[in-house]
N, C-alpha and C. Protein backbone atom coordinates (compact mmCIF):
# COMPACT_ATOMS: atom_id res chain seq x y z
N MET A 1 140.65 129.10 42.02
CA MET A 1 140.85 130.28 41.05
C MET A 1 140.81 130.94 41.85
N GLN A 2 142.07 131.83 42.45
CA GLN A 2 142.22 132.69 43.02
C GLN A 2 141.50 134.54 42.53
N THR A 3 141.16 135.40 43.68
CA THR A 3 140.92 136.98 42.90
C THR A 3 141.85 137.63 43.54
N GLU A 4 142.07 138.61 42.43
CA GLU A 4 143.54 139.54 42.93
C GLU A 4 144.01 139.93 44.28
N ALA A 5 142.90 140.24 44.40
CA ALA A 5 143.12 140.34 46.27
C ALA A 5 143.62 139.31 47.32
N THR A 6 143.50 137.99 47.03
CA THR A 6 143.51 137.01 47.35
C THR A 6 145.30 136.49 47.14
N ALA A 7 144.91 136.93 46.08
CA ALA A 7 146.56 136.82 45.26
C ALA A 7 147.68 137.67 46.28
N TRP A 8 147.43 138.82 46.25
CA TRP A 8 148.01 140.22 47.02
C TRP A 8 148.62 139.29 48.09
N ALA A 9 147.46 139.39 48.96
CA ALA A 9 147.20 139.00 50.30
C ALA A 9 148.47 137.66 50.50
N GLU A 10 148.78 136.31 50.02
CA GLU A 10 149.36 135.26 49.72
C GLU A 10 150.56 135.79 49.60
N LEU A 11 151.01 136.47 48.57
CA LEU A 11 152.08 137.06 48.08
C LEU A 11 153.08 137.94 49.35
N ALA A 12 152.15 138.93 49.80
CA ALA A 12 152.52 139.59 51.12
C ALA A 12 153.11 138.93 52.35
N LYS A 13 152.00 137.82 52.44
CA LYS A 13 152.18 136.99 53.67
C LYS A 13 153.52 135.98 53.71
N LYS A 14 153.77 135.68 52.27
CA LYS A 14 155.13 134.80 51.95
C LYS A 14 156.42 135.72 51.80
N GLU A 15 156.33 137.36 51.42
CA GLU A 15 157.25 138.17 51.82
C GLU A 15 157.50 138.57 53.21
N ARG A 16 156.93 138.23 53.98
CA ARG A 16 156.86 138.75 55.04
C ARG A 16 157.33 137.41 55.71
N ALA A 17 157.30 136.28 55.57
CA ALA A 17 157.85 134.81 56.26
C ALA A 17 159.15 135.28 55.57
N ARG A 18 159.51 135.46 54.11
CA ARG A 18 160.85 135.46 53.68
C ARG A 18 161.94 136.63 54.50
N HIS A 19 161.00 137.62 54.53
CA HIS A 19 162.00 138.60 55.81
C HIS A 19 162.21 138.24 56.92
N ALA A 20 161.12 137.69 57.56
CA ALA A 20 161.58 137.53 59.42
C ALA A 20 162.36 136.26 59.15
N LYS A 21 162.63 135.19 58.19
CA LYS A 21 163.45 134.33 58.17
C LYS A 21 164.86 134.76 58.46
N GLN A 22 164.55 135.81 57.23
CA GLN A 22 165.93 136.62 56.48
C GLN A 22 166.89 136.73 57.76
N TRP A 23 165.80 138.36 58.80
CA TRP A 23 166.42 138.49 60.00
C TRP A 23 166.35 137.44 61.30
N GLY A 24 166.49 136.48 61.13
CA GLY A 24 165.88 135.66 62.21
C GLY A 24 165.20 135.91 63.22
N ARG A 25 164.18 136.44 62.21
CA ARG A 25 162.96 136.50 63.43
C ARG A 25 161.77 135.50 63.23
N GLN A 26 161.37 134.79 64.20
CA GLN A 26 159.83 134.17 63.55
C GLN A 26 158.68 134.36 64.62
N ALA A 27 157.67 134.17 64.12
CA ALA A 27 155.99 134.67 65.03
C ALA A 27 156.25 133.31 66.14
N PRO A 28 155.85 133.61 67.21
CA PRO A 28 155.57 133.06 68.37
C PRO A 28 154.66 131.81 67.58
N PRO A 29 154.47 130.24 68.27
CA PRO A 29 153.61 129.78 67.75
C PRO A 29 152.30 130.53 68.16
N VAL A 30 151.23 130.08 67.75
CA VAL A 30 149.40 130.33 68.20
C VAL A 30 149.59 130.62 69.51
N SER A 31 149.66 128.84 69.93
CA SER A 31 149.60 128.83 71.27
C SER A 31 150.45 129.44 72.59
N GLU A 32 151.83 130.20 72.32
CA GLU A 32 152.84 130.96 73.18
C GLU A 32 152.44 132.47 72.85
N GLN A 33 151.65 132.83 71.40
CA GLN A 33 150.74 134.11 71.32
C GLN A 33 150.26 134.78 72.85
N LYS A 34 150.63 136.05 73.33
CA LYS A 34 149.57 136.72 74.32
C LYS A 34 148.67 136.98 73.83
N PRO A 35 147.09 136.90 74.39
CA PRO A 35 145.54 136.68 74.27
C PRO A 35 145.49 138.27 73.77
N LYS A 36 144.95 139.13 72.86
CA LYS A 36 144.02 140.51 73.09
C LYS A 36 143.41 140.94 74.67
N LYS A 37 144.08 141.99 74.04
CA LYS A 37 143.33 142.69 75.74
C LYS A 37 141.48 143.26 75.16
N THR A 38 140.68 142.46 75.04
CA THR A 38 139.09 142.95 74.62
C THR A 38 138.35 143.49 75.55
N ASP A 39 138.81 143.11 77.18
CA ASP A 39 137.74 142.73 78.08
C ASP A 39 138.42 144.22 79.11
N ARG A 40 139.30 145.50 78.42
CA ARG A 40 140.03 146.20 79.17
C ARG A 40 138.45 147.14 79.77
N LYS A 41 138.26 148.00 80.37
CA LYS A 41 137.51 148.81 81.36
C LYS A 41 138.16 150.05 80.98
N ARG A 42 137.14 151.21 80.34
CA ARG A 42 137.15 152.41 79.81
C ARG A 42 138.01 152.62 81.41
N VAL A 43 139.26 153.66 81.00
CA VAL A 43 139.45 154.43 82.22
C VAL A 43 139.33 156.04 81.97
N GLY A 44 138.40 156.72 82.77
CA GLY A 44 138.21 158.16 82.64
C GLY A 44 137.93 158.96 83.78
N SER A 45 137.43 159.80 83.39
CA SER A 45 137.93 160.52 84.71
C SER A 45 135.84 161.04 85.50
N TYR A 46 135.76 159.97 85.85
CA TYR A 46 134.23 160.09 86.24
C TYR A 46 133.87 160.76 87.62
N ASN A 47 132.78 161.58 87.21
CA ASN A 47 132.93 162.91 88.09
C ASN A 47 131.49 163.33 88.23
N PRO A 48 130.67 162.30 89.87
CA PRO A 48 129.75 162.81 89.84
C PRO A 48 128.70 163.78 89.90
N GLU A 49 129.35 164.82 90.15
CA GLU A 49 129.24 166.30 90.15
C GLU A 49 128.56 166.59 88.66
N ARG A 50 130.00 166.38 88.03
CA ARG A 50 129.64 167.08 86.50
C ARG A 50 128.13 166.22 86.23
N LEU A 51 127.96 165.56 85.74
CA LEU A 51 127.13 164.22 85.38
C LEU A 51 125.90 165.07 86.13
N ALA A 52 125.77 165.82 87.57
CA ALA A 52 124.86 165.88 87.42
C ALA A 52 124.88 167.85 86.93
N LEU A 53 124.96 168.58 86.89
CA LEU A 53 125.47 169.48 86.73
C LEU A 53 124.99 169.62 84.48
N VAL A 54 125.04 168.12 83.93
CA VAL A 54 125.15 167.81 82.32
C VAL A 54 123.71 167.63 82.80
N LYS A 55 123.01 166.90 83.22
CA LYS A 55 121.90 166.21 83.48
C LYS A 55 120.68 167.20 83.83
N GLU A 56 120.99 168.49 84.38
CA GLU A 56 120.24 169.40 84.81
C GLU A 56 120.29 170.26 83.37
N MET A 57 121.39 170.17 83.24
CA MET A 57 121.19 171.22 81.55
C MET A 57 120.79 171.00 80.55
N VAL A 58 121.29 169.98 80.46
CA VAL A 58 119.83 168.58 79.48
C VAL A 58 118.60 169.29 79.81
N GLU A 59 118.18 168.99 81.09
CA GLU A 59 116.78 169.21 81.55
C GLU A 59 116.19 170.69 80.93
N GLU A 60 117.28 171.65 80.83
CA GLU A 60 116.50 172.96 80.92
C GLU A 60 117.16 173.75 79.44
N GLY A 61 117.27 172.62 78.68
CA GLY A 61 117.23 172.47 77.65
C GLY A 61 118.21 173.24 76.58
N PHE A 62 119.36 173.20 77.30
CA PHE A 62 120.90 173.71 76.69
C PHE A 62 121.31 173.39 75.52
N ARG A 63 122.21 173.57 74.58
CA ARG A 63 122.38 172.79 73.49
C ARG A 63 124.05 172.07 74.09
N THR A 64 124.04 171.20 73.08
CA THR A 64 125.13 170.39 73.74
C THR A 64 127.04 171.62 73.79
N VAL A 65 126.88 172.18 72.94
CA VAL A 65 128.17 173.49 72.14
C VAL A 65 128.03 174.35 73.62
N ASP A 66 127.18 174.46 74.50
CA ASP A 66 126.58 175.24 75.50
C ASP A 66 126.99 174.47 76.47
N ILE A 67 126.88 173.48 76.51
CA ILE A 67 127.07 172.76 77.76
C ILE A 67 128.54 172.70 77.64
N ALA A 68 129.34 172.29 77.13
CA ALA A 68 130.51 172.41 76.97
C ALA A 68 131.33 173.73 77.21
N ASN A 69 130.86 174.54 76.25
CA ASN A 69 131.55 175.54 76.75
C ASN A 69 130.97 176.53 78.56
N GLU A 70 130.22 175.92 79.05
CA GLU A 70 129.84 176.19 79.88
C GLU A 70 130.99 175.64 81.54
N LEU A 71 131.08 174.13 81.04
CA LEU A 71 131.99 173.48 82.25
C LEU A 71 132.84 173.22 81.36
N LYS A 72 133.37 173.99 79.99
CA LYS A 72 135.14 174.07 79.97
C LYS A 72 135.53 172.62 79.58
N ILE A 73 134.43 171.73 79.03
CA ILE A 73 135.22 170.23 78.54
C ILE A 73 134.61 169.93 76.97
N SER A 74 135.08 169.07 76.41
CA SER A 74 135.12 169.21 74.68
C SER A 74 133.57 168.74 74.99
N GLU A 75 133.35 169.42 73.60
CA GLU A 75 131.75 168.75 73.11
C GLU A 75 131.41 167.18 73.14
N SER A 76 132.87 166.47 72.52
CA SER A 76 132.64 165.11 72.23
C SER A 76 132.52 164.65 73.35
N SER A 77 132.41 164.93 75.20
CA SER A 77 132.82 164.84 76.16
C SER A 77 130.85 164.66 76.17
N VAL A 78 130.59 165.86 76.28
CA VAL A 78 128.93 165.76 76.89
C VAL A 78 128.05 165.22 75.79
N ARG A 79 129.02 165.05 74.09
CA ARG A 79 128.15 164.21 73.38
C ARG A 79 127.96 162.36 74.54
N TYR A 80 129.17 162.47 74.82
CA TYR A 80 129.23 160.59 75.03
C TYR A 80 128.64 160.70 76.06
N TRP A 81 128.56 161.75 77.54
CA TRP A 81 127.80 161.59 78.61
C TRP A 81 125.85 161.95 78.00
N LYS A 82 125.57 161.80 77.52
CA LYS A 82 124.54 162.36 77.11
C LYS A 82 123.99 161.13 76.33
N LYS A 83 124.86 160.40 75.70
CA LYS A 83 124.52 158.86 75.52
C LYS A 83 124.32 158.11 76.35
N TYR A 84 125.66 158.33 76.88
CA TYR A 84 125.93 156.89 77.99
C TYR A 84 124.97 156.88 78.94
N TYR A 85 124.28 157.95 79.58
CA TYR A 85 123.43 158.17 80.84
C TYR A 85 122.35 158.28 80.09
N ASN A 86 121.22 158.41 78.49
CA ASN A 86 120.30 158.49 77.69
C ASN A 86 120.07 159.53 78.43
N LEU A 87 120.26 160.51 78.14
CA LEU A 87 120.24 161.94 78.68
C LEU A 87 119.78 163.31 77.41
N GLY A 88 118.26 163.53 77.16
CA GLY A 88 117.77 164.23 76.37
C GLY A 88 117.79 163.37 74.85
């Protein structure tokens, strides 16, 4: 017995296959598909001087919002640095 969700998923799969056949497209076999990029490195602007400033300001007790305003960066960037480098 199929659940409603699996029935819909199967119907959608058949519809995609019908559409691909109608338009002359087929998905490549699994062996020919490109591997997913799961091991990409983060690309960012690592700045050791900024890290030193953030460390210093955290040690002095500044809030995240104050650090962000002072260094003219986003609060999320400050939160990321604090989490990544185990600051405060």
